[in-house]
Amino acid sequence: MKVAYVFATNMASTFKLNTMILPQLEAGNHGAEVAGMFFFDDNVYTLKKGDQFGERLATVAAAQNILLMACDQCSLRRNLAEGEFSQCGSGEVKPKDLVLGAHVGCFPQLYEALAPANVDQVITL
């Protein structure tokens, strides 16, 4: 089964991703193939360059072909992207100071990037 995760609730990446999902992915016993992860609000900080969990996640994502994408508007508000709010959703906002391989975007970019993966379930945490 292929899944995609959306980290939308307060501390979802701090608790659920960093203490459960990431260790399972690293150990190879997560139980599902992860196609992508999308981060909202303060969850985008996990993808900040230098974050210990973000760096581990970037390594796993590169090895397992997992899309890492932060909300473009959330990233702009936290100085983790470059662009204007009027560009949100257009694909024109660019990541800044994020881990290697992380992208920023909105739902149109997320859908386009995940389409080839044929995801079975999207799980919002």
PDB file of N, CA and C in Angstrom:
ATOM      1  N   MET A   1       0.847  -1.174   0.000  1.00  0.00           N
ATOM      2  CA  MET A   1       0.000   0.000   0.000  1.00  0.00           C
ATOM      3  C   MET A   1       0.893   1.238   0.000  1.00  0.00           C
ATOM      4  N   LYS A   2       0.520   2.233  -0.812  1.00  0.00           N
ATOM      5  CA  LYS A   2       1.238   3.506  -0.856  1.00  0.00           C
ATOM      6  C   LYS A   2       0.425   4.572  -0.129  1.00  0.00           C
ATOM      7  N   VAL A   3       1.119   5.315   0.724  1.00  0.00           N
ATOM      8  CA  VAL A   3       0.455   6.360   1.496  1.00  0.00           C
ATOM      9  C   VAL A   3       1.188   7.684   1.315  1.00  0.00           C
ATOM     10  N   ALA A   4       0.465   8.750   1.609  1.00  0.00           N
ATOM     11  CA  ALA A   4       1.054  10.085   1.724  1.00  0.00           C
ATOM     12  C   ALA A   4       0.565  10.648   3.048  1.00  0.00           C
ATOM     13  N   TYR A   5       1.455  11.371   3.712  1.00  0.00           N
ATOM     14  CA  TYR A   5       1.118  11.979   4.996  1.00  0.00           C
ATOM     15  C   TYR A   5       0.985  13.482   4.845  1.00  0.00           C
ATOM     16  N   VAL A   6      -0.004  14.043   5.530  1.00  0.00           N
ATOM     17  CA  VAL A   6      -0.171  15.492   5.644  1.00  0.00           C
ATOM     18  C   VAL A   6      -0.061  15.811   7.123  1.00  0.00           C
ATOM     19  N   PHE A   7       0.936  16.601   7.474  1.00  0.00           N
ATOM     20  CA  PHE A   7       1.149  16.997   8.869  1.00  0.00           C
ATOM     21  C   PHE A   7       0.502  18.360   9.073  1.00  0.00           C
ATOM     22  N   ALA A   8      -0.715  18.339   9.622  1.00  0.00           N
ATOM     23  CA  ALA A   8      -1.531  19.544   9.698  1.00  0.00           C
ATOM     24  C   ALA A   8      -1.825  20.000  11.117  1.00  0.00           C
ATOM     25  N   THR A   9      -1.775  19.102  12.069  1.00  0.00           N
ATOM     26  CA  THR A   9      -2.136  19.488  13.425  1.00  0.00           C
ATOM     27  C   THR A   9      -0.902  19.891  14.228  1.00  0.00           C
ATOM     28  N   ASN A  10      -1.141  20.610  15.280  1.00  0.00           N
ATOM     29  CA  ASN A  10      -0.075  21.099  16.146  1.00  0.00           C
ATOM     30  C   ASN A  10       0.824  19.947  16.603  1.00  0.00           C
ATOM     31  N   MET A  11       2.098  20.083  16.362  1.00  0.00           N
ATOM     32  CA  MET A  11       3.132  19.139  16.785  1.00  0.00           C
ATOM     33  C   MET A  11       3.044  17.761  16.123  1.00  0.00           C
ATOM     34  N   ALA A  12       2.330  17.646  15.015  1.00  0.00           N
ATOM     35  CA  ALA A  12       2.224  16.352  14.340  1.00  0.00           C
ATOM     36  C   ALA A  12       3.583  15.833  13.909  1.00  0.00           C
ATOM     37  N   SER A  13       4.421  16.709  13.385  1.00  0.00           N
ATOM     38  CA  SER A  13       5.744  16.242  12.954  1.00  0.00           C
ATOM     39  C   SER A  13       6.658  16.022  14.154  1.00  0.00           C
ATOM     40  N   THR A  14       6.508  16.814  15.195  1.00  0.00           N
ATOM     41  CA  THR A  14       7.357  16.669  16.374  1.00  0.00           C
ATOM     42  C   THR A  14       7.114  15.335  17.065  1.00  0.00           C
ATOM     43  N   PHE A  15       5.875  14.956  17.183  1.00  0.00           N
ATOM     44  CA  PHE A  15       5.554  13.727  17.913  1.00  0.00           C
ATOM     45  C   PHE A  15       5.385  12.531  16.977  1.00  0.00           C
ATOM     46  N   LYS A  16       4.392  12.571  16.121  1.00  0.00           N
ATOM     47  CA  LYS A  16       4.058  11.389  15.311  1.00  0.00           C
ATOM     48  C   LYS A  16       5.132  11.056  14.284  1.00  0.00           C
ATOM     49  N   LEU A  17       5.630  12.049  13.575  1.00  0.00           N
ATOM     50  CA  LEU A  17       6.656  11.783  12.571  1.00  0.00           C
ATOM     51  C   LEU A  17       7.995  11.429  13.214  1.00  0.00           C
ATOM     52  N   ASN A  18       8.463  12.290  14.093  1.00  0.00           N
ATOM     53  CA  ASN A  18       9.824  12.143  14.611  1.00  0.00           C
ATOM     54  C   ASN A  18      10.003  10.984  15.577  1.00  0.00           C
ATOM     55  N   THR A  19       8.945  10.592  16.295  1.00  0.00           N
ATOM     56  CA  THR A  19       9.116   9.511  17.272  1.00  0.00           C
ATOM     57  C   THR A  19       8.512   8.182  16.834  1.00  0.00           C
ATOM     58  N   MET A  20       7.680   8.192  15.782  1.00  0.00           N
ATOM     59  CA  MET A  20       7.073   6.946  15.325  1.00  0.00           C
ATOM     60  C   MET A  20       7.424   6.637  13.874  1.00  0.00           C
ATOM     61  N   ILE A  21       6.996   7.484  12.965  1.00  0.00           N
ATOM     62  CA  ILE A  21       7.120   7.185  11.534  1.00  0.00           C
ATOM     63  C   ILE A  21       8.576   7.171  11.081  1.00  0.00           C
ATOM     64  N   LEU A  22       9.346   8.195  11.421  1.00  0.00           N
ATOM     65  CA  LEU A  22      10.734   8.261  10.968  1.00  0.00           C
ATOM     66  C   LEU A  22      11.566   7.065  11.450  1.00  0.00           C
ATOM     67  N   PRO A  23      11.524   6.713  12.732  1.00  0.00           N
ATOM     68  CA  PRO A  23      12.292   5.534  13.152  1.00  0.00           C
ATOM     69  C   PRO A  23      11.863   4.254  12.416  1.00  0.00           C
ATOM     70  N   GLN A  24      10.576   4.110  12.136  1.00  0.00           N
ATOM     71  CA  GLN A  24      10.102   2.940  11.401  1.00  0.00           C
ATOM     72  C   GLN A  24      10.630   2.943   9.966  1.00  0.00           C
ATOM     73  N   LEU A  25      10.618   4.114   9.321  1.00  0.00           N
ATOM     74  CA  LEU A  25      11.161   4.204   7.960  1.00  0.00           C
ATOM     75  C   LEU A  25      12.647   3.873   7.948  1.00  0.00           C
ATOM     76  N   GLU A  26      13.360   4.372   8.944  1.00  0.00           N
ATOM     77  CA  GLU A  26      14.796   4.100   9.027  1.00  0.00           C
ATOM     78  C   GLU A  26      15.074   2.612   9.246  1.00  0.00           C
ATOM     79  N   ALA A  27      14.221   1.959  10.018  1.00  0.00           N
ATOM     80  CA  ALA A  27      14.393   0.538  10.322  1.00  0.00           C
ATOM     81  C   ALA A  27      13.837  -0.368   9.233  1.00  0.00           C
ATOM     82  N   GLY A  28      13.067   0.210   8.312  1.00  0.00           N
ATOM     83  CA  GLY A  28      12.478  -0.584   7.238  1.00  0.00           C
ATOM     84  C   GLY A  28      11.272  -1.393   7.648  1.00  0.00           C
ATOM     85  N   ASN A  29      10.598  -0.979   8.724  1.00  0.00           N
ATOM     86  CA  ASN A  29       9.438  -1.747   9.188  1.00  0.00           C
ATOM     87  C   ASN A  29       8.179  -0.889   9.346  1.00  0.00           C
ATOM     88  N   HIS A  30       8.034   0.130   8.500  1.00  0.00           N
ATOM     89  CA  HIS A  30       6.871   1.022   8.609  1.00  0.00           C
ATOM     90  C   HIS A  30       5.581   0.321   8.198  1.00  0.00           C
ATOM     91  N   GLY A  31       5.661  -0.595   7.262  1.00  0.00           N
ATOM     92  CA  GLY A  31       4.476  -1.365   6.880  1.00  0.00           C
ATOM     93  C   GLY A  31       3.750  -0.838   5.661  1.00  0.00           C
ATOM     94  N   ALA A  32       4.075   0.352   5.203  1.00  0.00           N
ATOM     95  CA  ALA A  32       3.494   0.917   3.984  1.00  0.00           C
ATOM     96  C   ALA A  32       4.592   1.679   3.260  1.00  0.00           C
ATOM     97  N   GLU A  33       4.454   1.758   1.957  1.00  0.00           N
ATOM     98  CA  GLU A  33       5.385   2.574   1.170  1.00  0.00           C
ATOM     99  C   GLU A  33       4.907   4.021   1.252  1.00  0.00           C
ATOM    100  N   VAL A  34       5.791   4.915   1.620  1.00  0.00           N
ATOM    101  CA  VAL A  34       5.431   6.330   1.752  1.00  0.00           C
ATOM    102  C   VAL A  34       5.844   7.054   0.473  1.00  0.00           C
ATOM    103  N   ALA A  35       4.870   7.654  -0.186  1.00  0.00           N
ATOM    104  CA  ALA A  35       5.128   8.371  -1.439  1.00  0.00           C
ATOM    105  C   ALA A  35       5.467   9.832  -1.189  1.00  0.00           C
ATOM    106  N   GLY A  36       4.892  10.418  -0.138  1.00  0.00           N
ATOM    107  CA  GLY A  36       5.140  11.827   0.096  1.00  0.00           C
ATOM    108  C   GLY A  36       4.671  12.283   1.465  1.00  0.00           C
ATOM    109  N   MET A  37       5.189  13.464   1.830  1.00  0.00           N
ATOM    110  CA  MET A  37       4.807  14.109   3.084  1.00  0.00           C
ATOM    111  C   MET A  37       4.640  15.595   2.808  1.00  0.00           C
ATOM    112  N   PHE A  38       3.550  16.152   3.329  1.00  0.00           N
ATOM    113  CA  PHE A  38       3.231  17.564   3.140  1.00  0.00           C
ATOM    114  C   PHE A  38       3.078  18.198   4.520  1.00  0.00           C
ATOM    115  N   PHE A  39       3.720  19.335   4.726  1.00  0.00           N
ATOM    116  CA  PHE A  39       3.819  19.961   6.048  1.00  0.00           C
ATOM    117  C   PHE A  39       3.127  21.323   6.073  1.00  0.00           C
ATOM    118  N   PHE A  40       2.275  21.526   7.076  1.00  0.00           N
ATOM    119  CA  PHE A  40       1.586  22.805   7.291  1.00  0.00           C
ATOM    120  C   PHE A  40       2.049  23.454   8.586  1.00  0.00           C
ATOM    121  N   ASP A  41       1.793  24.741   8.694  1.00  0.00           N
ATOM    122  CA  ASP A  41       1.993  25.535   9.901  1.00  0.00           C
ATOM    123  C   ASP A  41       3.395  25.319  10.471  1.00  0.00           C
ATOM    124  N   ASP A  42       3.534  25.208  11.787  1.00  0.00           N
ATOM    125  CA  ASP A  42       4.861  25.068  12.381  1.00  0.00           C
ATOM    126  C   ASP A  42       5.514  23.723  12.088  1.00  0.00           C
ATOM    127  N   ASN A  43       4.769  22.781  11.540  1.00  0.00           N
ATOM    128  CA  ASN A  43       5.365  21.510  11.136  1.00  0.00           C
ATOM    129  C   ASN A  43       6.438  21.707  10.067  1.00  0.00           C
ATOM    130  N   VAL A  44       6.396  22.828   9.349  1.00  0.00           N
ATOM    131  CA  VAL A  44       7.414  23.081   8.316  1.00  0.00           C
ATOM    132  C   VAL A  44       8.811  23.198   8.931  1.00  0.00           C
ATOM    133  N   TYR A  45       8.904  23.545  10.203  1.00  0.00           N
ATOM    134  CA  TYR A  45      10.221  23.683  10.840  1.00  0.00           C
ATOM    135  C   TYR A  45      11.005  22.363  10.852  1.00  0.00           C
ATOM    136  N   THR A  46      10.312  21.241  10.775  1.00  0.00           N
ATOM    137  CA  THR A  46      11.015  19.964  10.706  1.00  0.00           C
ATOM    138  C   THR A  46      11.896  19.911   9.460  1.00  0.00           C
ATOM    139  N   LEU A  47      11.510  20.608   8.405  1.00  0.00           N
ATOM    140  CA  LEU A  47      12.276  20.587   7.159  1.00  0.00           C
ATOM    141  C   LEU A  47      13.362  21.650   7.107  1.00  0.00           C
ATOM    142  N   LYS A  48      13.525  22.409   8.170  1.00  0.00           N
ATOM    143  CA  LYS A  48      14.545  23.452   8.182  1.00  0.00           C
ATOM    144  C   LYS A  48      15.942  22.827   8.187  1.00  0.00           C
ATOM    145  N   LYS A  49      16.786  23.335   7.316  1.00  0.00           N
ATOM    146  CA  LYS A  49      18.166  22.851   7.243  1.00  0.00           C
ATOM    147  C   LYS A  49      18.787  22.902   8.632  1.00  0.00           C
ATOM    148  N   GLY A  50      19.445  21.805   9.019  1.00  0.00           N
ATOM    149  CA  GLY A  50      20.093  21.733  10.321  1.00  0.00           C
ATOM    150  C   GLY A  50      19.240  21.082  11.393  1.00  0.00           C
ATOM    151  N   ASP A  51      17.931  20.971  11.183  1.00  0.00           N
ATOM    152  CA  ASP A  51      17.078  20.289  12.159  1.00  0.00           C
ATOM    153  C   ASP A  51      17.464  18.811  12.166  1.00  0.00           C
ATOM    154  N   GLN A  52      17.743  18.261  13.336  1.00  0.00           N
ATOM    155  CA  GLN A  52      18.235  16.877  13.382  1.00  0.00           C
ATOM    156  C   GLN A  52      17.260  15.889  12.770  1.00  0.00           C
ATOM    157  N   PHE A  53      15.973  16.066  13.008  1.00  0.00           N
ATOM    158  CA  PHE A  53      14.987  15.155  12.443  1.00  0.00           C
ATOM    159  C   PHE A  53      14.812  15.404  10.949  1.00  0.00           C
ATOM    160  N   GLY A  54      14.825  16.657  10.561  1.00  0.00           N
ATOM    161  CA  GLY A  54      14.705  17.000   9.146  1.00  0.00           C
ATOM    162  C   GLY A  54      15.837  16.434   8.318  1.00  0.00           C
ATOM    163  N   GLU A  55      17.043  16.488   8.851  1.00  0.00           N
ATOM    164  CA  GLU A  55      18.194  15.946   8.131  1.00  0.00           C
ATOM    165  C   GLU A  55      18.087  14.423   8.016  1.00  0.00           C
ATOM    166  N   ARG A  56      17.657  13.769   9.085  1.00  0.00           N
ATOM    167  CA  ARG A  56      17.441  12.313   9.018  1.00  0.00           C
ATOM    168  C   ARG A  56      16.341  11.989   8.018  1.00  0.00           C
ATOM    169  N   LEU A  57      15.268  12.778   8.053  1.00  0.00           N
ATOM    170  CA  LEU A  57      14.156  12.564   7.137  1.00  0.00           C
ATOM    171  C   LEU A  57      14.601  12.763   5.691  1.00  0.00           C
ATOM    172  N   ALA A  58      15.418  13.772   5.436  1.00  0.00           N
ATOM    173  CA  ALA A  58      15.904  14.024   4.074  1.00  0.00           C
ATOM    174  C   ALA A  58      16.716  12.845   3.563  1.00  0.00           C
ATOM    175  N   THR A  59      17.504  12.235   4.429  1.00  0.00           N
ATOM    176  CA  THR A  59      18.302  11.061   4.050  1.00  0.00           C
ATOM    177  C   THR A  59      17.391   9.895   3.679  1.00  0.00           C
ATOM    178  N   VAL A  60      16.387   9.643   4.512  1.00  0.00           N
ATOM    179  CA  VAL A  60      15.430   8.562   4.249  1.00  0.00           C
ATOM    180  C   VAL A  60      14.633   8.866   2.982  1.00  0.00           C
ATOM    181  N   ALA A  61      14.205  10.103   2.820  1.00  0.00           N
ATOM    182  CA  ALA A  61      13.405  10.491   1.651  1.00  0.00           C
ATOM    183  C   ALA A  61      14.186  10.279   0.358  1.00  0.00           C
ATOM    184  N   ALA A  62      15.454  10.632   0.365  1.00  0.00           N
ATOM    185  CA  ALA A  62      16.280  10.442  -0.831  1.00  0.00           C
ATOM    186  C   ALA A  62      16.433   8.950  -1.143  1.00  0.00           C
ATOM    187  N   ALA A  63      16.655   8.142  -0.123  1.00  0.00           N
ATOM    188  CA  ALA A  63      16.859   6.708  -0.320  1.00  0.00           C
ATOM    189  C   ALA A  63      15.579   5.986  -0.737  1.00  0.00           C
ATOM    190  N   GLN A  64      14.427   6.472  -0.250  1.00  0.00           N
ATOM    191  CA  GLN A  64      13.156   5.775  -0.490  1.00  0.00           C
ATOM    192  C   GLN A  64      12.248   6.506  -1.472  1.00  0.00           C
ATOM    193  N   ASN A  65      12.777   7.540  -2.103  1.00  0.00           N
ATOM    194  CA  ASN A  65      12.020   8.320  -3.098  1.00  0.00           C
ATOM    195  C   ASN A  65      10.710   8.882  -2.524  1.00  0.00           C
ATOM    196  N   ILE A  66      10.819   9.557  -1.397  1.00  0.00           N
ATOM    197  CA  ILE A  66       9.672  10.165  -0.719  1.00  0.00           C
ATOM    198  C   ILE A  66       9.684  11.669  -0.994  1.00  0.00           C
ATOM    199  N   LEU A  67       8.581  12.184  -1.474  1.00  0.00           N
ATOM    200  CA  LEU A  67       8.434  13.615  -1.690  1.00  0.00           C
ATOM    201  C   LEU A  67       8.306  14.324  -0.348  1.00  0.00           C
ATOM    202  N   LEU A  68       9.085  15.366  -0.147  1.00  0.00           N
ATOM    203  CA  LEU A  68       8.955  16.238   1.023  1.00  0.00           C
ATOM    204  C   LEU A  68       8.551  17.609   0.531  1.00  0.00           C
ATOM    205  N   MET A  69       7.386  18.084   0.958  1.00  0.00           N
ATOM    206  CA  MET A  69       6.905  19.383   0.513  1.00  0.00           C
ATOM    207  C   MET A  69       6.289  20.150   1.678  1.00  0.00           C
ATOM    208  N   ALA A  70       6.677  21.402   1.795  1.00  0.00           N
ATOM    209  CA  ALA A  70       6.111  22.291   2.812  1.00  0.00           C
ATOM    210  C   ALA A  70       5.128  23.242   2.128  1.00  0.00           C
ATOM    211  N   CYS A  71       4.095  23.583   2.831  1.00  0.00           N
ATOM    212  CA  CYS A  71       3.139  24.584   2.343  1.00  0.00           C
ATOM    213  C   CYS A  71       3.893  25.865   2.012  1.00  0.00           C
ATOM    214  N   ASP A  72       3.676  26.382   0.802  1.00  0.00           N
ATOM    215  CA  ASP A  72       4.413  27.582   0.396  1.00  0.00           C
ATOM    216  C   ASP A  72       4.067  28.790   1.260  1.00  0.00           C
ATOM    217  N   GLN A  73       2.795  28.973   1.574  1.00  0.00           N
ATOM    218  CA  GLN A  73       2.391  30.116   2.399  1.00  0.00           C
ATOM    219  C   GLN A  73       2.928  29.994   3.826  1.00  0.00           C
ATOM    220  N   CYS A  74       2.856  28.800   4.381  1.00  0.00           N
ATOM    221  CA  CYS A  74       3.383  28.565   5.730  1.00  0.00           C
ATOM    222  C   CYS A  74       4.879  28.824   5.766  1.00  0.00           C
ATOM    223  N   SER A  75       5.579  28.400   4.720  1.00  0.00           N
ATOM    224  CA  SER A  75       7.027  28.587   4.638  1.00  0.00           C
ATOM    225  C   SER A  75       7.392  30.054   4.477  1.00  0.00           C
ATOM    226  N   LEU A  76       6.643  30.779   3.666  1.00  0.00           N
ATOM    227  CA  LEU A  76       6.888  32.224   3.522  1.00  0.00           C
ATOM    228  C   LEU A  76       6.724  32.929   4.862  1.00  0.00           C
ATOM    229  N   ARG A  77       5.692  32.597   5.592  1.00  0.00           N
ATOM    230  CA  ARG A  77       5.427  33.235   6.890  1.00  0.00           C
ATOM    231  C   ARG A  77       6.532  32.965   7.906  1.00  0.00           C
ATOM    232  N   ARG A  78       7.290  31.891   7.703  1.00  0.00           N
ATOM    233  CA  ARG A  78       8.343  31.504   8.649  1.00  0.00           C
ATOM    234  C   ARG A  78       9.744  31.723   8.080  1.00  0.00           C
ATOM    235  N   ASN A  79       9.820  32.491   6.996  1.00  0.00           N
ATOM    236  CA  ASN A  79      11.090  32.829   6.341  1.00  0.00           C
ATOM    237  C   ASN A  79      11.847  31.583   5.872  1.00  0.00           C
ATOM    238  N   LEU A  80      11.118  30.576   5.431  1.00  0.00           N
ATOM    239  CA  LEU A  80      11.723  29.352   4.905  1.00  0.00           C
ATOM    240  C   LEU A  80      11.468  29.207   3.406  1.00  0.00           C
ATOM    241  N   ALA A  81      11.024  30.296   2.788  1.00  0.00           N
ATOM    242  CA  ALA A  81      10.783  30.309   1.343  1.00  0.00           C
ATOM    243  C   ALA A  81      10.970  31.723   0.830  1.00  0.00           C
ATOM    244  N   GLU A  82      11.165  31.800  -0.469  1.00  0.00           N
ATOM    245  CA  GLU A  82      11.319  33.101  -1.123  1.00  0.00           C
ATOM    246  C   GLU A  82      10.209  33.272  -2.147  1.00  0.00           C
ATOM    247  N   GLY A  83       9.607  34.434  -2.130  1.00  0.00           N
ATOM    248  CA  GLY A  83       8.532  34.748  -3.063  1.00  0.00           C
ATOM    249  C   GLY A  83       7.549  35.699  -2.412  1.00  0.00           C
ATOM    250  N   GLU A  84       6.426  35.848  -3.037  1.00  0.00           N
ATOM    251  CA  GLU A  84       5.360  36.724  -2.550  1.00  0.00           C
ATOM    252  C   GLU A  84       4.117  35.885  -2.258  1.00  0.00           C
ATOM    253  N   PHE A  85       3.314  36.338  -1.327  1.00  0.00           N
ATOM    254  CA  PHE A  85       2.092  35.610  -0.998  1.00  0.00           C
ATOM    255  C   PHE A  85       1.182  35.472  -2.218  1.00  0.00           C
ATOM    256  N   SER A  86       1.240  36.440  -3.120  1.00  0.00           N
ATOM    257  CA  SER A  86       0.413  36.373  -4.333  1.00  0.00           C
ATOM    258  C   SER A  86       0.835  35.215  -5.232  1.00  0.00           C
ATOM    259  N   GLN A  87       2.029  34.657  -5.026  1.00  0.00           N
ATOM    260  CA  GLN A  87       2.523  33.541  -5.840  1.00  0.00           C
ATOM    261  C   GLN A  87       2.158  32.179  -5.259  1.00  0.00           C
ATOM    262  N   CYS A  88       1.594  32.157  -4.071  1.00  0.00           N
ATOM    263  CA  CYS A  88       1.254  30.881  -3.442  1.00  0.00           C
ATOM    264  C   CYS A  88       0.292  30.102  -4.328  1.00  0.00           C
ATOM    265  N   GLY A  89       0.569  28.831  -4.478  1.00  0.00           N
ATOM    266  CA  GLY A  89      -0.252  27.967  -5.318  1.00  0.00           C
ATOM    267  C   GLY A  89       0.151  27.954  -6.772  1.00  0.00           C
ATOM    268  N   SER A  90       1.087  28.809  -7.152  1.00  0.00           N
ATOM    269  CA  SER A  90       1.488  28.910  -8.560  1.00  0.00           C
ATOM    270  C   SER A  90       2.710  28.060  -8.892  1.00  0.00           C
ATOM    271  N   GLY A  91       3.435  27.620  -7.862  1.00  0.00           N
ATOM    272  CA  GLY A  91       4.678  26.908  -8.094  1.00  0.00           C
ATOM    273  C   GLY A  91       5.879  27.822  -8.205  1.00  0.00           C
ATOM    274  N   GLU A  92       5.675  29.132  -8.030  1.00  0.00           N
ATOM    275  CA  GLU A  92       6.757  30.107  -8.178  1.00  0.00           C
ATOM    276  C   GLU A  92       7.507  30.372  -6.881  1.00  0.00           C
ATOM    277  N   VAL A  93       6.936  30.012  -5.743  1.00  0.00           N
ATOM    278  CA  VAL A  93       7.612  30.190  -4.455  1.00  0.00           C
ATOM    279  C   VAL A  93       8.720  29.147  -4.361  1.00  0.00           C
ATOM    280  N   LYS A  94       9.889  29.561  -3.915  1.00  0.00           N
ATOM    281  CA  LYS A  94      11.060  28.678  -3.861  1.00  0.00           C
ATOM    282  C   LYS A  94      11.488  28.430  -2.414  1.00  0.00           C
ATOM    283  N   PRO A  95      11.949  27.219  -2.111  1.00  0.00           N
ATOM    284  CA  PRO A  95      12.405  26.918  -0.750  1.00  0.00           C
ATOM    285  C   PRO A  95      13.658  27.705  -0.388  1.00  0.00           C
ATOM    286  N   LYS A  96      13.796  27.985   0.893  1.00  0.00           N
ATOM    287  CA  LYS A  96      14.971  28.686   1.412  1.00  0.00           C
ATOM    288  C   LYS A  96      15.333  28.045   2.750  1.00  0.00           C
ATOM    289  N   ASP A  97      16.566  27.620   2.882  1.00  0.00           N
ATOM    290  CA  ASP A  97      17.055  27.031   4.138  1.00  0.00           C
ATOM    291  C   ASP A  97      16.301  25.773   4.551  1.00  0.00           C
ATOM    292  N   LEU A  98      15.853  24.997   3.572  1.00  0.00           N
ATOM    293  CA  LEU A  98      15.227  23.714   3.867  1.00  0.00           C
ATOM    294  C   LEU A  98      16.217  22.587   3.583  1.00  0.00           C
ATOM    295  N   VAL A  99      15.951  21.420   4.151  1.00  0.00           N
ATOM    296  CA  VAL A  99      16.817  20.269   3.940  1.00  0.00           C
ATOM    297  C   VAL A  99      16.894  19.938   2.459  1.00  0.00           C
ATOM    298  N   LEU A 100      17.958  19.273   2.095  1.00  0.00           N
ATOM    299  CA  LEU A 100      18.186  18.889   0.712  1.00  0.00           C
ATOM    300  C   LEU A 100      17.020  18.065   0.177  1.00  0.00           C
ATOM    301  N   GLY A 101      16.496  18.464  -0.958  1.00  0.00           N
ATOM    302  CA  GLY A 101      15.415  17.737  -1.598  1.00  0.00           C
ATOM    303  C   GLY A 101      14.022  18.184  -1.224  1.00  0.00           C
ATOM    304  N   ALA A 102      13.886  19.078  -0.247  1.00  0.00           N
ATOM    305  CA  ALA A 102      12.552  19.541   0.158  1.00  0.00           C
ATOM    306  C   ALA A 102      12.047  20.610  -0.807  1.00  0.00           C
ATOM    307  N   HIS A 103      10.761  20.566  -1.067  1.00  0.00           N
ATOM    308  CA  HIS A 103      10.096  21.505  -1.962  1.00  0.00           C
ATOM    309  C   HIS A 103       9.092  22.332  -1.169  1.00  0.00           C
ATOM    310  N   VAL A 104       8.622  23.409  -1.775  1.00  0.00           N
ATOM    311  CA  VAL A 104       7.493  24.154  -1.237  1.00  0.00           C
ATOM    312  C   VAL A 104       6.441  24.230  -2.335  1.00  0.00           C
ATOM    313  N   GLY A 105       5.187  24.291  -1.922  1.00  0.00           N
ATOM    314  CA  GLY A 105       4.105  24.371  -2.885  1.00  0.00           C
ATOM    315  C   GLY A 105       2.770  24.370  -2.187  1.00  0.00           C
ATOM    316  N   CYS A 106       1.739  24.245  -2.992  1.00  0.00           N
ATOM    317  CA  CYS A 106       0.380  24.189  -2.474  1.00  0.00           C
ATOM    318  C   CYS A 106      -0.275  22.950  -3.091  1.00  0.00           C
ATOM    319  N   PHE A 107      -1.546  22.801  -2.934  1.00  0.00           N
ATOM    320  CA  PHE A 107      -2.212  21.593  -3.396  1.00  0.00           C
ATOM    321  C   PHE A 107      -1.984  21.300  -4.879  1.00  0.00           C
ATOM    322  N   PRO A 108      -2.012  22.288  -5.777  1.00  0.00           N
ATOM    323  CA  PRO A 108      -1.755  21.946  -7.184  1.00  0.00           C
ATOM    324  C   PRO A 108      -0.390  21.280  -7.401  1.00  0.00           C
ATOM    325  N   GLN A 109       0.642  21.785  -6.723  1.00  0.00           N
ATOM    326  CA  GLN A 109       1.972  21.193  -6.862  1.00  0.00           C
ATOM    327  C   GLN A 109       2.032  19.826  -6.188  1.00  0.00           C
ATOM    328  N   LEU A 110       1.365  19.683  -5.055  1.00  0.00           N
ATOM    329  CA  LEU A 110       1.340  18.404  -4.360  1.00  0.00           C
ATOM    330  C   LEU A 110       0.672  17.338  -5.222  1.00  0.00           C
ATOM    331  N   TYR A 111      -0.493  17.644  -5.769  1.00  0.00           N
ATOM    332  CA  TYR A 111      -1.211  16.680  -6.596  1.00  0.00           C
ATOM    333  C   TYR A 111      -0.378  16.274  -7.806  1.00  0.00           C
ATOM    334  N   GLU A 112       0.243  17.241  -8.449  1.00  0.00           N
ATOM    335  CA  GLU A 112       1.066  16.953  -9.622  1.00  0.00           C
ATOM    336  C   GLU A 112       2.252  16.056  -9.262  1.00  0.00           C
ATOM    337  N   ALA A 113       2.895  16.349  -8.156  1.00  0.00           N
ATOM    338  CA  ALA A 113       4.077  15.578  -7.752  1.00  0.00           C
ATOM    339  C   ALA A 113       3.713  14.162  -7.318  1.00  0.00           C
ATOM    340  N   LEU A 114       2.554  13.990  -6.699  1.00  0.00           N
ATOM    341  CA  LEU A 114       2.162  12.665  -6.207  1.00  0.00           C
ATOM    342  C   LEU A 114       1.409  11.820  -7.237  1.00  0.00           C
ATOM    343  N   ALA A 115       0.933  12.424  -8.294  1.00  0.00           N
ATOM    344  CA  ALA A 115       0.124  11.693  -9.282  1.00  0.00           C
ATOM    345  C   ALA A 115       0.788  10.417  -9.789  1.00  0.00           C
ATOM    346  N   PRO A 116       2.060  10.463 -10.167  1.00  0.00           N
ATOM    347  CA  PRO A 116       2.678   9.225 -10.685  1.00  0.00           C
ATOM    348  C   PRO A 116       2.788   8.110  -9.644  1.00  0.00           C
ATOM    349  N   ALA A 117       2.715   8.430  -8.375  1.00  0.00           N
ATOM    350  CA  ALA A 117       2.880   7.428  -7.312  1.00  0.00           C
ATOM    351  C   ALA A 117       1.633   6.568  -7.109  1.00  0.00           C
ATOM    352  N   ASN A 118       0.487   7.015  -7.614  1.00  0.00           N
ATOM    353  CA  ASN A 118      -0.765   6.268  -7.417  1.00  0.00           C
ATOM    354  C   ASN A 118      -0.993   5.924  -5.947  1.00  0.00           C
ATOM    355  N   VAL A 119      -1.064   6.951  -5.127  1.00  0.00           N
ATOM    356  CA  VAL A 119      -1.247   6.804  -3.683  1.00  0.00           C
ATOM    357  C   VAL A 119      -2.592   6.148  -3.389  1.00  0.00           C
ATOM    358  N   ASP A 120      -2.577   5.194  -2.455  1.00  0.00           N
ATOM    359  CA  ASP A 120      -3.806   4.513  -2.041  1.00  0.00           C
ATOM    360  C   ASP A 120      -4.548   5.278  -0.949  1.00  0.00           C
ATOM    361  N   GLN A 121      -3.782   5.887  -0.030  1.00  0.00           N
ATOM    362  CA  GLN A 121      -4.403   6.609   1.083  1.00  0.00           C
ATOM    363  C   GLN A 121      -3.597   7.849   1.427  1.00  0.00           C
ATOM    364  N   VAL A 122      -4.319   8.913   1.774  1.00  0.00           N
ATOM    365  CA  VAL A 122      -3.697  10.115   2.311  1.00  0.00           C
ATOM    366  C   VAL A 122      -4.095  10.182   3.782  1.00  0.00           C
ATOM    367  N   ILE A 123      -3.097  10.272   4.636  1.00  0.00           N
ATOM    368  CA  ILE A 123      -3.333  10.270   6.077  1.00  0.00           C
ATOM    369  C   ILE A 123      -2.966  11.632   6.631  1.00  0.00           C
ATOM    370  N   THR A 124      -3.933  12.288   7.261  1.00  0.00           N
ATOM    371  CA  THR A 124      -3.702  13.597   7.859  1.00  0.00           C
ATOM    372  C   THR A 124      -3.499  13.426   9.350  1.00  0.00           C
ATOM    373  N   LEU A 125      -2.380  13.945   9.807  1.00  0.00           N
ATOM    374  CA  LEU A 125      -2.033  13.857  11.233  1.00  0.00           C
ATOM    375  C   LEU A 125      -1.933  15.256  11.802  1.00  0.00           C
TER     376      LEU A 125
END
